[in-house]
Amino acid sequence: MKKLSLLALVLFIGVAKLQAQVTVSPGLKGGINISDLENFESGKQKTDFYAGGFIAIKFNQTLTLQPELIYSRQGAEVRDYAPQSNIPRRVDYNINYLAVGAVVKYHFNGKGFHILAGPSLDIRIDDNFPNYEYKTAAADLSVTGGLGYSLPNGITFEARFKQGLVDIYGYEGLDYNYDSNEIILNRVIQLGINYTFKLK
């Protein structure tokens, strides 16, 4: 009985210390998307933006879990033709997503520099793709990695690379003999700034 009471006391102290260290802070973020579509014929990078919010759950000086909700404008610049014309032109093909994800951040020595990684479920909001036989998929699953630097005043600068894992047409346009060069995937470089609110 004494051992059980001692174990309960140790667990209680451990949980109390953990709760004392954990801080939860909301924040806003936004920045530039430099996106393209892997294996998309004649596609080039296009520039757009992303914006959203997050909750920073800081467990200690080095480890933070950050759930996020982000509106992200992606796609590629492609060569197209004007209606009823053979004159080529460059147009943006846009796929806009509402991304629900989370990243884990590791802060070196508890200071400004950190690395991050995590998954995201990207729900398609709209797109301007021509009405081909196949429509763009309703969602994408992606992974993100990157690095950043946080200032004491709550401002953070980050650079991320985001790789989609699902064909933008949901694999409906692929036959059973397809190879990996036929799969069209989202790729995005994100350069942005975050602000974390400090709650008392």
Foldseek 3Di string as FASTA:
>chain_A
DVVVVVVVVVVVVVVVVQVVAKDKWKKKKKFKKFKEKALDPQWDTDIDMKIWMWIWIDRHLFKIKIWIWMWDKYYTWGWDADPPDPDIDIDTKIWIWTKTWMKMWTDVVSFFKIKIKIKIKTATDDIDDPPDVFDFDRIWIKMKIWMWTADPQQKIWIKMKIKTDAARRRCPPPDPPDDPSNRIIMIIITTMMMGIDDDD
